[in-house]
Amino acid sequence: MAEPRWSSYASYLLVFVFGAAVLWALAGALFSEDASVATAEHRYALGGTAARCEPGRGAERAPVQRIRLGADRLLVATPSNYDASVLHPLLLVFAPAGASALASEGFLGLTETATRAGFVVAYASSRPLSAGVLQEFGTLALKLAEGWCIDTQRVAYAGHSDGGTAALAMGFLDGIAVPPAAIVASAAGIRGQDIASYRCPTGVPLQQWHGRADELFPPPEYGREVFRWWSRCSDADFAETAPANCNTQHHQRLVSQGGYCEHSGAHLAWPADGEATMLAFLQRHTAADR
């Protein structure tokens, strides 16, 4: 069985990989360890009907924590009014190549909206991708649930570039300790032919974003072909849309079923105008009563 090319891209792409790594390193310098990470207050349901943690975990922690779990460095953010007795969904975000957890948080900008929606959000710093590293990524939710009140049945994975590749791998690799409830992948560096011989990710909702002008991982080989393989595996009628439709007429379908959106940007473009669609999708598929 052929393995995806986790980190061995064709030689003509190496200059782009190096350039992207330099840019992510510069981004890490911009978002220094003293940078402010804003979280938001979540409106918890009244009546005490939510599933509970006994005893509550993370009650004494600050809303933003930098931690190390083995070889992984993470930034963990909770709602500013975090209730340590209520089980929360987890959004685990993988970083682009060479980026720290803090740089990834600053680039994606999901923390405030995701914590307002009730997520515990964890950003994992970049590591060179390999089958072993990806299996370790798949255990992070279990480790995080030891320190915070997290429902490991409601874990979503997301990421951009190498982070998008890692998020996708959580859905199709065998042996992942915590399978995804949903995946959001942007600018992922993997092709349909790279994963065609892998296990079909049946029933894993995917919302995939890719730039039409991506010079590092150009579509349709990257992005669209992966989406089509995923759709066939899931036997699902996912939405495959033009850029102008991702957040308009196809919004509800993208939220309920997942789908593929090809925006006009290059590789380093995060589709910020799609964040409302992303968060609605993640909320739907990590809801306690889904």
Protein backbone atom coordinates (compact mmCIF):
# COMPACT_ATOMS: atom_id res chain seq x y z
CA MET A 1 0.00 0.00 0.00
CA ALA A 2 1.50 3.32 -1.03
CA GLU A 3 1.81 5.94 1.66
CA PRO A 4 0.75 9.56 1.13
CA ARG A 5 3.68 11.86 0.60
CA TRP A 6 3.44 13.42 4.04
CA SER A 7 6.59 15.50 3.66
CA SER A 8 8.35 14.36 0.43
CA TYR A 9 6.89 16.65 -2.20
CA ALA A 10 8.16 16.74 -5.77
CA SER A 11 11.46 18.57 -6.23
CA TYR A 12 9.94 21.44 -8.13
CA LEU A 13 7.82 22.22 -5.09
CA LEU A 14 10.67 22.29 -2.60
CA VAL A 15 11.31 25.99 -3.02
CA PHE A 16 7.68 26.69 -2.17
CA VAL A 17 7.83 24.45 0.89
CA PHE A 18 10.93 26.30 2.10
CA GLY A 19 9.33 29.67 1.40
CA ALA A 20 6.15 28.71 3.22
CA ALA A 21 8.14 27.51 6.25
CA VAL A 22 9.99 30.84 6.36
CA LEU A 23 6.71 32.75 6.22
CA TRP A 24 5.22 30.67 9.04
CA ALA A 25 8.37 31.25 11.10
CA LEU A 26 7.99 35.00 10.55
CA ALA A 27 4.36 34.72 11.60
CA GLY A 28 5.54 33.05 14.81
CA ALA A 29 7.77 36.04 15.50
CA LEU A 30 4.83 38.39 15.00
CA PHE A 31 2.68 36.45 17.47
CA SER A 32 5.13 36.38 20.37
CA GLU A 33 4.72 34.50 23.63
CA ASP A 34 3.40 37.72 25.15
CA ALA A 35 0.67 38.12 22.54
CA SER A 36 -2.87 38.40 23.82
CA VAL A 37 -5.23 35.55 22.92
CA ALA A 38 -8.86 36.59 23.34
CA THR A 39 -11.51 34.13 24.44
CA ALA A 40 -15.23 34.78 24.72
CA GLU A 41 -18.00 34.03 27.17
CA HIS A 42 -20.22 31.06 26.32
CA ARG A 43 -23.91 31.01 27.18
CA TYR A 44 -24.32 27.69 28.97
CA ALA A 45 -27.72 26.03 28.89
CA LEU A 46 -29.84 26.58 31.97
CA GLY A 47 -31.25 23.71 33.98
CA GLY A 48 -28.17 21.56 34.44
CA THR A 49 -29.08 19.04 31.71
CA ALA A 50 -25.66 18.99 30.03
CA ALA A 51 -23.41 15.97 30.51
CA ARG A 52 -21.06 16.52 33.42
CA CYS A 53 -17.49 15.88 34.47
CA GLU A 54 -17.08 14.51 37.99
CA PRO A 55 -15.06 16.05 39.42
CA GLY A 56 -14.78 19.14 37.25
CA ARG A 57 -11.53 19.36 35.30
CA GLY A 58 -9.56 22.52 34.66
CA ALA A 59 -11.47 24.64 37.16
CA GLU A 60 -8.35 26.43 38.38
CA ARG A 61 -6.82 27.00 34.94
CA ALA A 62 -6.63 30.35 33.17
CA PRO A 63 -8.71 30.63 29.97
CA VAL A 64 -5.52 30.41 27.87
CA GLN A 65 -2.79 27.90 28.69
CA ARG A 66 0.43 26.88 26.94
CA ILE A 67 1.24 23.26 27.69
CA ARG A 68 3.46 20.42 26.54
CA LEU A 69 2.22 16.85 26.07
CA GLY A 70 5.19 14.66 25.23
CA ALA A 71 6.66 15.99 21.99
CA ASP A 72 3.67 18.25 21.34
CA ARG A 73 3.42 21.91 22.33
CA LEU A 74 -0.10 23.26 22.48
CA LEU A 75 -2.06 26.39 23.22
CA VAL A 76 -5.41 25.62 24.86
CA ALA A 77 -8.23 28.16 25.11
CA THR A 78 -11.56 27.81 26.91
CA PRO A 79 -14.62 30.04 27.17
CA SER A 80 -13.79 32.93 29.50
CA ASN A 81 -16.52 31.69 31.86
CA TYR A 82 -15.46 28.03 31.50
CA ASP A 83 -17.63 25.64 33.54
CA ALA A 84 -15.37 22.78 34.59
CA SER A 85 -18.33 20.52 35.36
CA VAL A 86 -19.84 20.55 31.83
CA LEU A 87 -18.55 18.36 29.00
CA HIS A 88 -17.35 20.50 26.09
CA PRO A 89 -16.70 19.74 22.44
CA LEU A 90 -13.04 20.04 21.42
CA LEU A 91 -11.72 21.79 18.32
CA LEU A 92 -8.16 20.55 17.76
CA VAL A 93 -6.27 22.65 15.21
CA PHE A 94 -3.04 21.52 13.52
CA ALA A 95 -0.51 24.14 12.42
CA PRO A 96 1.01 24.81 8.99
CA ALA A 97 4.57 23.56 8.46
CA GLY A 98 7.01 25.34 10.76
CA ALA A 99 4.36 27.30 12.67
CA SER A 100 4.01 27.41 16.43
CA ALA A 101 0.67 26.94 18.14
CA LEU A 102 0.56 30.67 18.88
CA ALA A 103 1.32 31.63 15.27
CA SER A 104 -1.38 29.24 14.07
CA GLU A 105 -3.88 30.76 16.49
CA GLY A 106 -3.08 34.26 15.25
CA PHE A 107 -3.29 33.22 11.61
CA LEU A 108 -6.60 31.35 11.81
CA GLY A 109 -8.28 33.67 14.31
CA LEU A 110 -10.89 31.10 15.37
CA THR A 111 -10.49 31.30 19.13
CA GLU A 112 -12.98 33.98 20.05
CA THR A 113 -15.84 32.68 17.90
CA ALA A 114 -15.17 29.03 18.78
CA THR A 115 -15.04 29.62 22.54
CA ARG A 116 -18.20 31.70 22.31
CA ALA A 117 -19.79 28.66 20.67
CA GLY A 118 -18.72 26.53 23.66
CA PHE A 119 -15.62 24.79 22.32
CA VAL A 120 -12.41 24.11 24.12
CA VAL A 121 -9.92 25.00 21.37
CA ALA A 122 -6.44 23.47 21.24
CA TYR A 123 -3.76 24.53 18.75
CA ALA A 124 -0.93 22.04 18.22
CA SER A 125 2.45 23.31 17.03
CA SER A 126 3.82 21.96 13.77
CA ARG A 127 5.79 18.73 13.65
CA PRO A 128 7.23 17.09 10.50
CA LEU A 129 4.44 14.80 9.33
CA SER A 130 4.91 11.04 9.38
CA ALA A 131 2.64 8.09 10.09
CA GLY A 132 3.95 7.96 13.66
CA VAL A 133 3.43 11.67 14.31
CA LEU A 134 -0.11 11.48 12.95
CA GLN A 135 -0.92 8.61 15.31
CA GLU A 136 0.42 10.73 18.18
CA PHE A 137 -1.78 13.63 17.05
CA GLY A 138 -4.71 11.21 17.26
CA THR A 139 -4.12 10.73 21.00
CA LEU A 140 -4.03 14.43 21.91
CA ALA A 141 -7.76 14.67 22.61
CA LEU A 142 -7.51 11.89 25.21
CA LYS A 143 -4.61 13.66 26.91
CA LEU A 144 -6.40 17.01 26.86
CA ALA A 145 -9.49 15.39 28.39
CA GLU A 146 -7.39 14.56 31.45
CA GLY A 147 -6.95 18.27 32.15
CA TRP A 148 -10.18 19.80 30.85
CA CYS A 149 -13.82 18.70 30.79
CA ILE A 150 -13.92 17.44 27.18
CA ASP A 151 -16.30 14.99 25.51
CA THR A 152 -14.04 12.76 23.39
CA GLN A 153 -17.06 11.74 21.31
CA ARG A 154 -17.35 15.36 20.13
CA VAL A 155 -13.89 16.14 18.77
CA ALA A 156 -13.43 18.10 15.54
CA TYR A 157 -10.13 18.50 13.71
CA ALA A 158 -9.06 21.47 11.59
CA GLY A 159 -5.93 22.90 10.00
CA HIS A 160 -4.33 24.78 7.13
CA SER A 161 -1.60 23.51 4.74
CA ASP A 162 0.28 20.71 6.57
CA GLY A 163 -2.30 21.21 9.31
CA GLY A 164 -5.07 20.52 6.82
CA THR A 165 -3.27 17.34 5.76
CA ALA A 166 -3.06 16.23 9.40
CA ALA A 167 -6.74 16.99 9.96
CA LEU A 168 -7.73 14.88 6.93
CA ALA A 169 -5.50 12.03 8.13
CA MET A 170 -7.48 11.82 11.36
CA GLY A 171 -10.38 10.65 9.20
CA PHE A 172 -8.77 8.04 6.95
CA LEU A 173 -5.86 6.54 8.90
CA ASP A 174 -6.47 3.32 10.84
CA GLY A 175 -5.75 3.31 14.56
CA ILE A 176 -6.56 6.96 15.33
CA ALA A 177 -7.38 6.97 19.05
CA VAL A 178 -10.10 9.63 18.84
CA PRO A 179 -11.95 9.57 15.50
CA PRO A 180 -13.32 12.89 14.24
CA ALA A 181 -16.88 14.05 14.64
CA ALA A 182 -16.11 16.53 11.84
CA ILE A 183 -13.14 17.91 9.87
CA VAL A 184 -12.39 21.33 8.39
CA ALA A 185 -9.32 21.27 6.11
CA SER A 186 -7.81 24.21 4.24
CA ALA A 187 -5.05 24.14 1.58
CA ALA A 188 -4.19 20.53 2.44
CA GLY A 189 -1.04 19.10 0.84
CA ILE A 190 -2.42 15.74 -0.19
CA ARG A 191 -3.85 14.41 -3.44
CA GLY A 192 -6.67 12.00 -4.15
CA GLN A 193 -4.23 9.48 -5.63
CA ASP A 194 -2.14 9.60 -2.43
CA ILE A 195 -4.97 8.26 -0.30
CA ALA A 196 -6.97 6.20 -2.83
CA SER A 197 -5.87 2.90 -1.28
CA TYR A 198 -6.69 3.92 2.28
CA ARG A 199 -9.76 3.06 4.33
CA CYS A 200 -12.82 5.03 3.31
CA PRO A 201 -13.77 7.57 6.00
CA THR A 202 -17.43 6.53 6.05
CA GLY A 203 -19.68 8.94 7.89
CA VAL A 204 -17.02 11.57 8.66
CA PRO A 205 -18.37 15.01 7.69
CA LEU A 206 -15.77 17.08 5.81
CA GLN A 207 -15.75 20.76 4.92
CA GLN A 208 -12.78 21.42 2.63
CA TRP A 209 -11.42 24.77 1.44
CA HIS A 210 -8.77 25.32 -1.22
CA GLY A 211 -7.43 28.32 -3.12
CA ARG A 212 -7.78 28.32 -6.89
CA ALA A 213 -4.46 30.21 -7.05
CA ASP A 214 -2.63 27.85 -4.66
CA GLU A 215 0.87 27.65 -6.15
CA LEU A 216 2.17 25.06 -3.66
CA PHE A 217 -0.67 22.54 -3.83
CA PRO A 218 -2.52 23.44 -7.05
CA PRO A 219 -6.05 22.18 -7.65
CA PRO A 220 -7.67 20.10 -8.96
CA GLU A 221 -5.03 17.48 -8.11
CA TYR A 222 -4.94 18.86 -4.59
CA GLY A 223 -8.18 19.81 -2.93
CA ARG A 224 -10.91 18.86 -5.37
CA GLU A 225 -9.71 15.28 -6.04
CA VAL A 226 -9.45 14.56 -2.32
CA PHE A 227 -12.94 15.90 -1.82
CA ARG A 228 -14.35 13.73 -4.61
CA TRP A 229 -12.70 10.62 -3.16
CA TRP A 230 -14.10 11.47 0.28
CA SER A 231 -17.55 12.03 -1.14
CA ARG A 232 -17.53 8.69 -2.99
CA CYS A 233 -16.30 6.90 0.14
CA SER A 234 -19.05 8.42 2.22
CA ASP A 235 -21.68 7.77 -0.45
CA ALA A 236 -22.78 11.33 0.24
CA ASP A 237 -24.09 14.05 -2.01
CA PHE A 238 -21.73 16.72 -0.72
CA ALA A 239 -21.98 20.23 -2.07
CA GLU A 240 -19.21 21.16 -4.52
CA THR A 241 -19.54 24.87 -5.09
CA ALA A 242 -18.19 27.88 -6.87
CA PRO A 243 -16.52 30.48 -4.60
CA ALA A 244 -19.42 32.92 -4.69
CA ASN A 245 -21.83 30.23 -3.52
CA CYS A 246 -19.94 28.91 -0.50
CA ASN A 247 -21.49 31.41 1.90
CA THR A 248 -24.75 32.15 0.11
CA GLN A 249 -27.14 29.66 -1.48
CA HIS A 250 -25.09 26.60 -0.48
CA HIS A 251 -24.42 27.72 3.10
CA GLN A 252 -27.04 25.49 4.73
CA ARG A 253 -25.98 22.45 2.72
CA LEU A 254 -22.32 23.01 3.61
CA VAL A 255 -23.31 23.24 7.26
CA SER A 256 -25.52 20.16 7.31
CA GLN A 257 -23.51 17.84 5.04
CA GLY A 258 -20.08 19.34 4.46
CA GLY A 259 -18.60 20.10 1.06
CA TYR A 260 -15.83 21.66 -1.00
CA CYS A 261 -15.26 25.37 -1.53
CA GLU A 262 -12.63 26.69 -3.92
CA HIS A 263 -11.88 30.33 -3.16
CA SER A 264 -9.78 32.71 -5.25
CA GLY A 265 -6.75 32.90 -2.93
CA ALA A 266 -3.20 31.54 -2.96
CA HIS A 267 -1.67 28.97 -0.60
CA LEU A 268 -1.17 31.34 2.32
CA ALA A 269 -4.76 32.60 2.17
CA TRP A 270 -6.99 31.46 5.02
CA PRO A 271 -10.66 31.73 3.91
CA ALA A 272 -11.68 34.07 6.71
CA ASP A 273 -14.95 34.98 5.00
CA GLY A 274 -15.97 31.33 5.39
CA GLU A 275 -15.52 31.18 9.15
CA ALA A 276 -19.22 31.54 9.93
CA THR A 277 -19.92 28.56 7.68
CA MET A 278 -17.08 26.59 9.28
CA LEU A 279 -18.26 27.25 12.84
CA ALA A 280 -21.88 26.43 12.04
CA PHE A 281 -20.72 23.14 10.49
CA LEU A 282 -18.54 22.30 13.50
CA GLN A 283 -21.31 23.14 15.96
CA ARG A 284 -23.83 21.00 14.12
CA HIS A 285 -21.62 17.92 14.03
CA THR A 286 -20.31 18.19 17.60
CA ALA A 287 -23.65 18.96 19.24
CA ALA A 288 -24.46 16.77 22.23
CA ASP A 289 -27.81 15.78 20.68
CA ARG A 290 -26.58 15.26 17.11
